[in-house]
Amino acid sequence: LCETFTQHPYRLAAEDPAAFKSSLLPSCEADLIEYLAWTVLQWYDILTSHSSYAASSASLQFSAEQFLRAWLLVTTRAFDVDGTRTTLVPGLDSFNHDPSRASARAAADGRGGLYIVATRDIEAAEEV
């Protein structure tokens, strides 16, 4: 977990909801992001307080900060595939980092695999 996500909106909302909300005024986006961050922290509380987890995994203890960072690592790299599933594909998270130049999307191949489909013409040597 080398990425800290120190400036990620979910982390900022989890750390100080009031300051985060005021930084986005007059946007209603702050309420949504605050709720999503709160939800992740609720998952952490449920997971770590569940009696079977606490009894069986004393060596796997992790903080709410580590849980939030891990969740952000997954959720910021996950792809929706044809509206049917979410998946992680190493390297694929490098695609489409500039939304104004989106050029490809992930698609299911019908056999449990995944392939990349160009969504527009791509120039030779152009980054995708």
Foldseek 3Di string as FASTA:
>chain_A
DPDQCPVPLLVVCLVPLVVSPVVDPPDPVSVVSNVVSVVQLVVVVCQCVPVVNVVPCVVPDDDSSVSVVVVCVDVLQWAQEPVPDIDHDPPPSVACPPVVPHFWHWYDPVPRDIDIDTPDDDDVPDDD
